[in-house]
Amino acid sequence: VGAGWIGCEVAAAARRHGASVTVIDPVDLPLRRVLGPRM
């Protein structure tokens, strides 16, 4: 729950370990508040 820096890094680590991962966020893009829509 959360598509900020920690959420994205946790997702990446979980996939490395072979877990199935779903990420939830009310914003329409990960990291949008920091990096904007294109990034």
Full PDB file with SEQRES, HELIX, SHEET, SSBOND, CRYST1, ORIGX, SCALE, CONECT and MASTER records, all heavy atoms in Angstrom:
SEQRES   1 A   39  VAL GLY ALA GLY TRP ILE GLY CYS GLU VAL ALA ALA ALA          
SEQRES   2 A   39  ALA ARG ARG HIS GLY ALA SER VAL THR VAL ILE ASP PRO          
SEQRES   3 A   39  VAL ASP LEU PRO LEU ARG ARG VAL LEU GLY PRO ARG MET          
HELIX    1 AA1 TRP A    5  ARG A   16  1                                  12    
HELIX    2 AA2 ARG A   32  LEU A   35  1                                   4    
CRYST1    1.000    1.000    1.000  90.00  90.00  90.00 P 1           1          
ORIGX1      1.000000  0.000000  0.000000        0.00000                         
ORIGX2      0.000000  1.000000  0.000000        0.00000                         
ORIGX3      0.000000  0.000000  1.000000        0.00000                         
SCALE1      1.000000  0.000000  0.000000        0.00000                         
SCALE2      0.000000  1.000000  0.000000        0.00000                         
SCALE3      0.000000  0.000000  1.000000        0.00000                         
ATOM      1  N   VAL A   1       0.864  -1.175   0.000  1.00  0.00           N  
ATOM      2  CA  VAL A   1       0.000   0.000   0.000  1.00  0.00           C  
ATOM      3  C   VAL A   1       0.904   1.228   0.000  1.00  0.00           C  
ATOM      4  O   VAL A   1       1.586   1.515   0.979  1.00  0.00           O  
ATOM      5  CB  VAL A   1      -0.925   0.016   1.224  1.00  0.00           C  
ATOM      6  CG1 VAL A   1      -1.813   1.258   1.201  1.00  0.00           C  
ATOM      7  CG2 VAL A   1      -1.770  -1.248   1.266  1.00  0.00           C  
ATOM      8  N   GLY A   2       0.929   1.913  -1.121  1.00  0.00           N  
ATOM      9  CA  GLY A   2       1.778   3.091  -1.256  1.00  0.00           C  
ATOM     10  C   GLY A   2       2.784   2.916  -2.369  1.00  0.00           C  
ATOM     11  O   GLY A   2       3.581   1.966  -2.353  1.00  0.00           O  
ATOM     12  N   ALA A   3       2.768   3.838  -3.342  1.00  0.00           N  
ATOM     13  CA  ALA A   3       3.659   3.747  -4.499  1.00  0.00           C  
ATOM     14  C   ALA A   3       4.708   4.845  -4.470  1.00  0.00           C  
ATOM     15  O   ALA A   3       5.062   5.411  -5.502  1.00  0.00           O  
ATOM     16  CB  ALA A   3       2.852   3.819  -5.794  1.00  0.00           C  
ATOM     17  N   GLY A   4       5.208   5.147  -3.260  1.00  0.00           N  
ATOM     18  CA  GLY A   4       6.336   6.062  -3.127  1.00  0.00           C  
ATOM     19  C   GLY A   4       7.643   5.298  -3.214  1.00  0.00           C  
ATOM     20  O   GLY A   4       7.701   4.160  -3.689  1.00  0.00           O  
ATOM     21  N   TRP A   5       8.709   5.909  -2.708  1.00  0.00           N  
ATOM     22  CA  TRP A   5      10.029   5.277  -2.830  1.00  0.00           C  
ATOM     23  C   TRP A   5      10.090   3.948  -2.091  1.00  0.00           C  
ATOM     24  O   TRP A   5      10.556   2.948  -2.643  1.00  0.00           O  
ATOM     25  CB  TRP A   5      11.117   6.227  -2.311  1.00  0.00           C  
ATOM     26  CG  TRP A   5      11.244   7.460  -3.127  1.00  0.00           C  
ATOM     27  CD1 TRP A   5      10.979   8.738  -2.757  1.00  0.00           C  
ATOM     28  CD2 TRP A   5      11.650   7.533  -4.509  1.00  0.00           C  
ATOM     29  NE1 TRP A   5      11.175   9.600  -3.797  1.00  0.00           N  
ATOM     30  CE2 TRP A   5      11.595   8.899  -4.881  1.00  0.00           C  
ATOM     31  CE3 TRP A   5      12.040   6.586  -5.450  1.00  0.00           C  
ATOM     32  CZ2 TRP A   5      11.930   9.328  -6.162  1.00  0.00           C  
ATOM     33  CZ3 TRP A   5      12.370   7.012  -6.729  1.00  0.00           C  
ATOM     34  CH2 TRP A   5      12.314   8.354  -7.080  1.00  0.00           C  
ATOM     35  N   ILE A   6       9.648   3.911  -0.836  1.00  0.00           N  
ATOM     36  CA  ILE A   6       9.725   2.666  -0.081  1.00  0.00           C  
ATOM     37  C   ILE A   6       8.828   1.605  -0.701  1.00  0.00           C  
ATOM     38  O   ILE A   6       9.218   0.444  -0.868  1.00  0.00           O  
ATOM     39  CB  ILE A   6       9.352   2.899   1.394  1.00  0.00           C  
ATOM     40  CG1 ILE A   6      10.357   3.854   2.050  1.00  0.00           C  
ATOM     41  CG2 ILE A   6       9.332   1.569   2.158  1.00  0.00           C  
ATOM     42  CD1 ILE A   6      11.777   3.349   2.071  1.00  0.00           C  
ATOM     43  N   GLY A   7       7.601   1.985  -1.067  1.00  0.00           N  
ATOM     44  CA  GLY A   7       6.697   1.026  -1.679  1.00  0.00           C  
ATOM     45  C   GLY A   7       7.266   0.431  -2.949  1.00  0.00           C  
ATOM     46  O   GLY A   7       7.189  -0.788  -3.171  1.00  0.00           O  
ATOM     47  N   CYS A   8       7.853   1.271  -3.798  1.00  0.00           N  
ATOM     48  CA  CYS A   8       8.434   0.764  -5.049  1.00  0.00           C  
ATOM     49  C   CYS A   8       9.642  -0.125  -4.787  1.00  0.00           C  
ATOM     50  O   CYS A   8       9.819  -1.160  -5.454  1.00  0.00           O  
ATOM     51  CB  CYS A   8       8.813   1.936  -5.948  1.00  0.00           C  
ATOM     52  SG  CYS A   8       7.403   2.759  -6.733  1.00  0.00           S  
ATOM     53  N   GLU A   9      10.476   0.232  -3.835  1.00  0.00           N  
ATOM     54  CA  GLU A   9      11.651  -0.596  -3.549  1.00  0.00           C  
ATOM     55  C   GLU A   9      11.255  -1.923  -2.912  1.00  0.00           C  
ATOM     56  O   GLU A   9      11.864  -2.965  -3.204  1.00  0.00           O  
ATOM     57  CB  GLU A   9      12.625   0.186  -2.671  1.00  0.00           C  
ATOM     58  CG  GLU A   9      13.290   1.334  -3.420  1.00  0.00           C  
ATOM     59  CD  GLU A   9      14.215   2.183  -2.583  1.00  0.00           C  
ATOM     60  OE1 GLU A   9      14.305   1.963  -1.347  1.00  0.00           O  
ATOM     61  OE2 GLU A   9      14.859   3.081  -3.149  1.00  0.00           O  
ATOM     62  N   VAL A  10      10.249  -1.898  -2.053  1.00  0.00           N  
ATOM     63  CA  VAL A  10       9.752  -3.155  -1.482  1.00  0.00           C  
ATOM     64  C   VAL A  10       9.192  -4.045  -2.586  1.00  0.00           C  
ATOM     65  O   VAL A  10       9.444  -5.260  -2.616  1.00  0.00           O  
ATOM     66  CB  VAL A  10       8.680  -2.882  -0.407  1.00  0.00           C  
ATOM     67  CG1 VAL A  10       7.941  -4.169  -0.036  1.00  0.00           C  
ATOM     68  CG2 VAL A  10       9.320  -2.271   0.841  1.00  0.00           C  
ATOM     69  N   ALA A  11       8.444  -3.460  -3.518  1.00  0.00           N  
ATOM     70  CA  ALA A  11       7.896  -4.240  -4.630  1.00  0.00           C  
ATOM     71  C   ALA A  11       9.010  -4.885  -5.447  1.00  0.00           C  
ATOM     72  O   ALA A  11       8.919  -6.063  -5.823  1.00  0.00           O  
ATOM     73  CB  ALA A  11       7.028  -3.345  -5.511  1.00  0.00           C  
ATOM     74  N   ALA A  12      10.059  -4.125  -5.739  1.00  0.00           N  
ATOM     75  CA  ALA A  12      11.173  -4.661  -6.519  1.00  0.00           C  
ATOM     76  C   ALA A  12      11.860  -5.803  -5.786  1.00  0.00           C  
ATOM     77  O   ALA A  12      12.212  -6.834  -6.387  1.00  0.00           O  
ATOM     78  CB  ALA A  12      12.168  -3.545  -6.836  1.00  0.00           C  
ATOM     79  N   ALA A  13      12.067  -5.647  -4.477  1.00  0.00           N  
ATOM     80  CA  ALA A  13      12.705  -6.712  -3.700  1.00  0.00           C  
ATOM     81  C   ALA A  13      11.816  -7.945  -3.643  1.00  0.00           C  
ATOM     82  O   ALA A  13      12.306  -9.086  -3.766  1.00  0.00           O  
ATOM     83  CB  ALA A  13      13.013  -6.212  -2.292  1.00  0.00           C  
ATOM     84  N   ALA A  14      10.524  -7.748  -3.472  1.00  0.00           N  
ATOM     85  CA  ALA A  14       9.605  -8.883  -3.410  1.00  0.00           C  
ATOM     86  C   ALA A  14       9.611  -9.667  -4.716  1.00  0.00           C  
ATOM     87  O   ALA A  14       9.575 -10.910  -4.725  1.00  0.00           O  
ATOM     88  CB  ALA A  14       8.192  -8.394  -3.080  1.00  0.00           C  
ATOM     89  N   ARG A  15       9.656  -8.965  -5.842  1.00  0.00           N  
ATOM     90  CA  ARG A  15       9.721  -9.657  -7.124  1.00  0.00           C  
ATOM     91  C   ARG A  15      11.043 -10.408  -7.270  1.00  0.00           C  
ATOM     92  O   ARG A  15      11.072 -11.521  -7.811  1.00  0.00           O  
ATOM     93  CB  ARG A  15       9.557  -8.656  -8.271  1.00  0.00           C  
ATOM     94  CG  ARG A  15       8.170  -8.075  -8.397  1.00  0.00           C  
ATOM     95  CD  ARG A  15       7.132  -9.162  -8.720  1.00  0.00           C  
ATOM     96  NE  ARG A  15       7.413  -9.797  -9.997  1.00  0.00           N  
ATOM     97  CZ  ARG A  15       7.335 -11.107 -10.221  1.00  0.00           C  
ATOM     98  NH1 ARG A  15       6.989 -11.949  -9.246  1.00  0.00           N  
ATOM     99  NH2 ARG A  15       7.609 -11.599 -11.413  1.00  0.00           N  
ATOM    100  N   ARG A  16      12.130  -9.846  -6.767  1.00  0.00           N  
ATOM    101  CA  ARG A  16      13.424 -10.552  -6.798  1.00  0.00           C  
ATOM    102  C   ARG A  16      13.307 -11.894  -6.083  1.00  0.00           C  
ATOM    103  O   ARG A  16      13.908 -12.890  -6.508  1.00  0.00           O  
ATOM    104  CB  ARG A  16      14.503  -9.678  -6.150  1.00  0.00           C  
ATOM    105  CG  ARG A  16      15.759 -10.429  -5.699  1.00  0.00           C  
ATOM    106  CD  ARG A  16      16.774 -10.668  -6.795  1.00  0.00           C  
ATOM    107  NE  ARG A  16      17.548  -9.462  -7.019  1.00  0.00           N  
ATOM    108  CZ  ARG A  16      18.653  -9.140  -6.330  1.00  0.00           C  
ATOM    109  NH1 ARG A  16      19.101  -9.944  -5.374  1.00  0.00           N  
ATOM    110  NH2 ARG A  16      19.304  -8.042  -6.606  1.00  0.00           N  
ATOM    111  N   HIS A  17      12.545 -11.928  -5.009  1.00  0.00           N  
ATOM    112  CA  HIS A  17      12.403 -13.157  -4.228  1.00  0.00           C  
ATOM    113  C   HIS A  17      11.324 -14.083  -4.783  1.00  0.00           C  
ATOM    114  O   HIS A  17      11.066 -15.135  -4.190  1.00  0.00           O  
ATOM    115  CB  HIS A  17      12.097 -12.812  -2.767  1.00  0.00           C  
ATOM    116  CG  HIS A  17      13.242 -12.160  -2.048  1.00  0.00           C  
ATOM    117  ND1 HIS A  17      14.430 -12.813  -1.791  1.00  0.00           N  
ATOM    118  CD2 HIS A  17      13.387 -10.905  -1.542  1.00  0.00           C  
ATOM    119  CE1 HIS A  17      15.251 -11.989  -1.151  1.00  0.00           C  
ATOM    120  NE2 HIS A  17      14.640 -10.830  -0.990  1.00  0.00           N  
ATOM    121  N   GLY A  18      10.689 -13.695  -5.877  1.00  0.00           N  
ATOM    122  CA  GLY A  18       9.702 -14.564  -6.513  1.00  0.00           C  
ATOM    123  C   GLY A  18       8.286 -14.405  -6.027  1.00  0.00           C  
ATOM    124  O   GLY A  18       7.406 -15.211  -6.379  1.00  0.00           O  
ATOM    125  N   ALA A  19       8.037 -13.393  -5.219  1.00  0.00           N  
ATOM    126  CA  ALA A  19       6.674 -13.153  -4.732  1.00  0.00           C  
ATOM    127  C   ALA A  19       5.829 -12.525  -5.832  1.00  0.00           C  
ATOM    128  O   ALA A  19       6.342 -11.857  -6.731  1.00  0.00           O  
ATOM    129  CB  ALA A  19       6.712 -12.236  -3.516  1.00  0.00           C  
ATOM    130  N   SER A  20       4.522 -12.739  -5.761  1.00  0.00           N  
ATOM    131  CA  SER A  20       3.596 -11.992  -6.618  1.00  0.00           C  
ATOM    132  C   SER A  20       3.259 -10.699  -5.891  1.00  0.00           C  
ATOM    133  O   SER A  20       3.038 -10.702  -4.677  1.00  0.00           O  
ATOM    134  CB  SER A  20       2.340 -12.809  -6.906  1.00  0.00           C  
ATOM    135  OG  SER A  20       1.596 -13.005  -5.714  1.00  0.00           O  
ATOM    136  N   VAL A  21       3.228  -9.584  -6.623  1.00  0.00           N  
ATOM    137  CA  VAL A  21       3.142  -8.271  -5.981  1.00  0.00           C  
ATOM    138  C   VAL A  21       2.048  -7.434  -6.617  1.00  0.00           C  
ATOM    139  O   VAL A  21       1.974  -7.308  -7.847  1.00  0.00           O  
ATOM    140  CB  VAL A  21       4.483  -7.520  -6.093  1.00  0.00           C  
ATOM    141  CG1 VAL A  21       4.380  -6.143  -5.438  1.00  0.00           C  
ATOM    142  CG2 VAL A  21       5.611  -8.325  -5.465  1.00  0.00           C  
ATOM    143  N   THR A  22       1.208  -6.845  -5.773  1.00  0.00           N  
ATOM    144  CA  THR A  22       0.248  -5.836  -6.185  1.00  0.00           C  
ATOM    145  C   THR A  22       0.513  -4.570  -5.374  1.00  0.00           C  
ATOM    146  O   THR A  22       0.681  -4.642  -4.152  1.00  0.00           O  
ATOM    147  CB  THR A  22      -1.196  -6.301  -5.947  1.00  0.00           C  
ATOM    148  OG1 THR A  22      -1.432  -7.504  -6.686  1.00  0.00           O  
ATOM    149  CG2 THR A  22      -2.194  -5.238  -6.403  1.00  0.00           C  
ATOM    150  N   VAL A  23       0.571  -3.433  -6.056  1.00  0.00           N  
ATOM    151  CA  VAL A  23       0.810  -2.151  -5.391  1.00  0.00           C  
ATOM    152  C   VAL A  23      -0.415  -1.274  -5.561  1.00  0.00           C  
ATOM    153  O   VAL A  23      -0.935  -1.110  -6.675  1.00  0.00           O  
ATOM    154  CB  VAL A  23       2.049  -1.433  -5.961  1.00  0.00           C  
ATOM    155  CG1 VAL A  23       2.277  -0.113  -5.222  1.00  0.00           C  
ATOM    156  CG2 VAL A  23       3.289  -2.318  -5.851  1.00  0.00           C  
ATOM    157  N   ILE A  24      -0.876  -0.694  -4.452  1.00  0.00           N  
ATOM    158  CA  ILE A  24      -2.078   0.139  -4.408  1.00  0.00           C  
ATOM    159  C   ILE A  24      -1.682   1.580  -4.098  1.00  0.00           C  
ATOM    160  O   ILE A  24      -0.838   1.819  -3.223  1.00  0.00           O  
ATOM    161  CB  ILE A  24      -3.042  -0.341  -3.311  1.00  0.00           C  
ATOM    162  CG1 ILE A  24      -3.347  -1.828  -3.455  1.00  0.00           C  
ATOM    163  CG2 ILE A  24      -4.307   0.486  -3.286  1.00  0.00           C  
ATOM    164  CD1 ILE A  24      -3.966  -2.425  -2.206  1.00  0.00           C  
ATOM    165  N   ASP A  25      -2.304   2.521  -4.795  1.00  0.00           N  
ATOM    166  CA  ASP A  25      -2.107   3.928  -4.451  1.00  0.00           C  
ATOM    167  C   ASP A  25      -3.266   4.743  -5.021  1.00  0.00           C  
ATOM    168  O   ASP A  25      -3.679   4.505  -6.157  1.00  0.00           O  
ATOM    169  CB  ASP A  25      -0.780   4.456  -5.003  1.00  0.00           C  
ATOM    170  CG  ASP A  25      -0.331   5.723  -4.293  1.00  0.00           C  
ATOM    171  OD1 ASP A  25      -0.982   6.761  -4.490  1.00  0.00           O  
ATOM    172  OD2 ASP A  25       0.663   5.677  -3.553  1.00  0.00           O  
ATOM    173  N   PRO A  26      -3.791   5.699  -4.255  1.00  0.00           N  
ATOM    174  CA  PRO A  26      -4.885   6.522  -4.783  1.00  0.00           C  
ATOM    175  C   PRO A  26      -4.446   7.466  -5.898  1.00  0.00           C  
ATOM    176  O   PRO A  26      -5.289   7.962  -6.651  1.00  0.00           O  
ATOM    177  CB  PRO A  26      -5.373   7.298  -3.560  1.00  0.00           C  
ATOM    178  CG  PRO A  26      -4.222   7.292  -2.612  1.00  0.00           C  
ATOM    179  CD  PRO A  26      -3.517   6.002  -2.841  1.00  0.00           C  
ATOM    180  N   VAL A  27      -3.146   7.731  -6.014  1.00  0.00           N  
ATOM    181  CA  VAL A  27      -2.637   8.568  -7.099  1.00  0.00           C  
ATOM    182  C   VAL A  27      -2.534   7.713  -8.364  1.00  0.00           C  
ATOM    183  O   VAL A  27      -2.310   6.505  -8.297  1.00  0.00           O  
ATOM    184  CB  VAL A  27      -1.270   9.164  -6.714  1.00  0.00           C  
ATOM    185  CG1 VAL A  27      -0.696  10.001  -7.843  1.00  0.00           C  
ATOM    186  CG2 VAL A  27      -1.410  10.020  -5.452  1.00  0.00           C  
ATOM    187  N   ASP A  28      -2.660   8.335  -9.523  1.00  0.00           N  
ATOM    188  CA  ASP A  28      -2.746   7.575 -10.766  1.00  0.00           C  
ATOM    189  C   ASP A  28      -1.415   7.074 -11.296  1.00  0.00           C  
ATOM    190  O   ASP A  28      -1.383   6.261 -12.227  1.00  0.00           O  
ATOM    191  CB  ASP A  28      -3.449   8.397 -11.859  1.00  0.00           C  
ATOM    192  CG  ASP A  28      -2.685   9.667 -12.226  1.00  0.00           C  
ATOM    193  OD1 ASP A  28      -1.777  10.071 -11.473  1.00  0.00           O  
ATOM    194  OD2 ASP A  28      -3.006  10.271 -13.266  1.00  0.00           O  
ATOM    195  N   LEU A  29      -0.297   7.528 -10.710  1.00  0.00           N  
ATOM    196  CA  LEU A  29       1.030   7.085 -11.141  1.00  0.00           C  
ATOM    197  C   LEU A  29       1.944   6.991  -9.931  1.00  0.00           C  
ATOM    198  O   LEU A  29       1.850   7.815  -9.014  1.00  0.00           O  
ATOM    199  CB  LEU A  29       1.646   8.066 -12.150  1.00  0.00           C  
ATOM    200  CG  LEU A  29       1.038   8.097 -13.551  1.00  0.00           C  
ATOM    201  CD1 LEU A  29       1.533   9.324 -14.307  1.00  0.00           C  
ATOM    202  CD2 LEU A  29       1.381   6.821 -14.312  1.00  0.00           C  
ATOM    203  N   PRO A  30       2.854   6.030  -9.901  1.00  0.00           N  
ATOM    204  CA  PRO A  30       3.813   5.983  -8.801  1.00  0.00           C  
ATOM    205  C   PRO A  30       4.718   7.202  -8.831  1.00  0.00           C  
ATOM    206  O   PRO A  30       5.081   7.699  -9.905  1.00  0.00           O  
ATOM    207  CB  PRO A  30       4.603   4.695  -9.077  1.00  0.00           C  
ATOM    208  CG  PRO A  30       4.474   4.477 -10.552  1.00  0.00           C  
ATOM    209  CD  PRO A  30       3.100   4.971 -10.902  1.00  0.00           C  
ATOM    210  N   LEU A  31       5.050   7.704  -7.641  1.00  0.00           N  
ATOM    211  CA  LEU A  31       6.033   8.777  -7.482  1.00  0.00           C  
ATOM    212  C   LEU A  31       5.629  10.076  -8.178  1.00  0.00           C  
ATOM    213  O   LEU A  31       6.455  10.965  -8.381  1.00  0.00           O  
ATOM    214  CB  LEU A  31       7.411   8.320  -7.988  1.00  0.00           C  
ATOM    215  CG  LEU A  31       7.960   7.074  -7.288  1.00  0.00           C  
ATOM    216  CD1 LEU A  31       9.103   6.472  -8.079  1.00  0.00           C  
ATOM    217  CD2 LEU A  31       8.406   7.417  -5.875  1.00  0.00           C  
ATOM    218  N   ARG A  32       4.375  10.213  -8.539  1.00  0.00           N  
ATOM    219  CA  ARG A  32       3.949  11.395  -9.287  1.00  0.00           C  
ATOM    220  C   ARG A  32       4.200  12.691  -8.526  1.00  0.00           C  
ATOM    221  O   ARG A  32       4.602  13.703  -9.110  1.00  0.00           O  
ATOM    222  CB  ARG A  32       2.477  11.280  -9.663  1.00  0.00           C  
ATOM    223  CG  ARG A  32       1.965  12.530 -10.363  1.00  0.00           C  
ATOM    224  CD  ARG A  32       0.627  12.356 -11.005  1.00  0.00           C  
ATOM    225  NE  ARG A  32       0.260  13.575 -11.729  1.00  0.00           N  
ATOM    226  CZ  ARG A  32      -0.533  13.619 -12.767  1.00  0.00           C  
ATOM    227  NH1 ARG A  32      -1.064  12.501 -13.238  1.00  0.00           N  
ATOM    228  NH2 ARG A  32      -0.816  14.770 -13.354  1.00  0.00           N  
ATOM    229  N   ARG A  33       3.945  12.686  -7.237  1.00  0.00           N  
ATOM    230  CA  ARG A  33       4.091  13.929  -6.470  1.00  0.00           C  
ATOM    231  C   ARG A  33       5.527  14.424  -6.483  1.00  0.00           C  
ATOM    232  O   ARG A  33       5.775  15.629  -6.411  1.00  0.00           O  
ATOM    233  CB  ARG A  33       3.622  13.708  -5.034  1.00  0.00           C  
ATOM    234  CG  ARG A  33       2.127  13.448  -4.890  1.00  0.00           C  
ATOM    235  CD  ARG A  33       1.707  13.433  -3.445  1.00  0.00           C  
ATOM    236  NE  ARG A  33       0.289  13.180  -3.285  1.00  0.00           N  
ATOM    237  CZ  ARG A  33      -0.226  11.984  -3.061  1.00  0.00           C  
ATOM    238  NH1 ARG A  33       0.569  10.920  -2.969  1.00  0.00           N  
ATOM    239  NH2 ARG A  33      -1.523  11.829  -2.910  1.00  0.00           N  
ATOM    240  N   VAL A  34       6.484  13.517  -6.567  1.00  0.00           N  
ATOM    241  CA  VAL A  34       7.902  13.902  -6.545  1.00  0.00           C  
ATOM    242  C   VAL A  34       8.446  14.142  -7.941  1.00  0.00           C  
ATOM    243  O   VAL A  34       9.208  15.090  -8.166  1.00  0.00           O  
ATOM    244  CB  VAL A  34       8.737  12.808  -5.847  1.00  0.00           C  
ATOM    245  CG1 VAL A  34      10.206  13.207  -5.801  1.00  0.00           C  
ATOM    246  CG2 VAL A  34       8.211  12.538  -4.455  1.00  0.00           C  
ATOM    247  N   LEU A  35       8.064  13.298  -8.898  1.00  0.00           N  
ATOM    248  CA  LEU A  35       8.694  13.298 -10.214  1.00  0.00           C  
ATOM    249  C   LEU A  35       7.791  13.790 -11.335  1.00  0.00           C  
ATOM    250  O   LEU A  35       8.271  13.992 -12.460  1.00  0.00           O  
ATOM    251  CB  LEU A  35       9.190  11.890 -10.554  1.00  0.00           C  
ATOM    252  CG  LEU A  35      10.184  11.261  -9.579  1.00  0.00           C  
ATOM    253  CD1 LEU A  35      10.570   9.880 -10.067  1.00  0.00           C  
ATOM    254  CD2 LEU A  35      11.416  12.141  -9.400  1.00  0.00           C  
ATOM    255  N   GLY A  36       6.505  13.936 -11.088  1.00  0.00           N  
ATOM    256  CA  GLY A  36       5.609  14.364 -12.140  1.00  0.00           C  
ATOM    257  C   GLY A  36       5.117  13.206 -12.990  1.00  0.00           C  
ATOM    258  O   GLY A  36       5.558  12.063 -12.847  1.00  0.00           O  
ATOM    259  N   PRO A  37       4.187  13.476 -13.922  1.00  0.00           N  
ATOM    260  CA  PRO A  37       3.543  12.393 -14.655  1.00  0.00           C  
ATOM    261  C   PRO A  37       4.455  11.615 -15.589  1.00  0.00           C  
ATOM    262  O   PRO A  37       4.385  10.379 -15.647  1.00  0.00           O  
ATOM    263  CB  PRO A  37       2.420  13.105 -15.421  1.00  0.00           C  
ATOM    264  CG  PRO A  37       2.816  14.549 -15.460  1.00  0.00           C  
ATOM    265  CD  PRO A  37       3.585  14.796 -14.208  1.00  0.00           C  
ATOM    266  N   ARG A  38       5.317  12.294 -16.346  1.00  0.00           N  
ATOM    267  CA  ARG A  38       6.118  11.555 -17.323  1.00  0.00           C  
ATOM    268  C   ARG A  38       7.100  10.620 -16.641  1.00  0.00           C  
ATOM    269  O   ARG A  38       7.277   9.472 -17.053  1.00  0.00           O  
ATOM    270  CB  ARG A  38       6.863  12.514 -18.249  1.00  0.00           C  
ATOM    271  CG  ARG A  38       7.534  11.776 -19.420  1.00  0.00           C  
ATOM    272  CD  ARG A  38       8.169  12.714 -20.400  1.00  0.00           C  
ATOM    273  NE  ARG A  38       8.813  11.976 -21.479  1.00  0.00           N  
ATOM    274  CZ  ARG A  38       9.651  12.508 -22.354  1.00  0.00           C  
ATOM    275  NH1 ARG A  38       9.934  13.800 -22.285  1.00  0.00           N  
ATOM    276  NH2 ARG A  38      10.220  11.778 -23.291  1.00  0.00           N  
ATOM    277  N   MET A  39       7.755  11.093 -15.607  1.00  0.00           N  
ATOM    278  CA  MET A  39       8.693  10.225 -14.900  1.00  0.00           C  
ATOM    279  C   MET A  39       7.955   9.163 -14.087  1.00  0.00           C  
ATOM    280  O   MET A  39       8.452   8.050 -13.892  1.00  0.00           O  
ATOM    281  CB  MET A  39       9.602  11.055 -13.981  1.00  0.00           C  
ATOM    282  CG  MET A  39      10.557  11.979 -14.738  1.00  0.00           C  
ATOM    283  SD  MET A  39      11.710  11.086 -15.807  1.00  0.00           S  
ATOM    284  CE  MET A  39      11.016  11.412 -17.438  1.00  0.00           C  
TER     285      MET A  39                                                      
MASTER        0    0    0    2    0    0    0    6  284    1    0    3          
END                                                                             
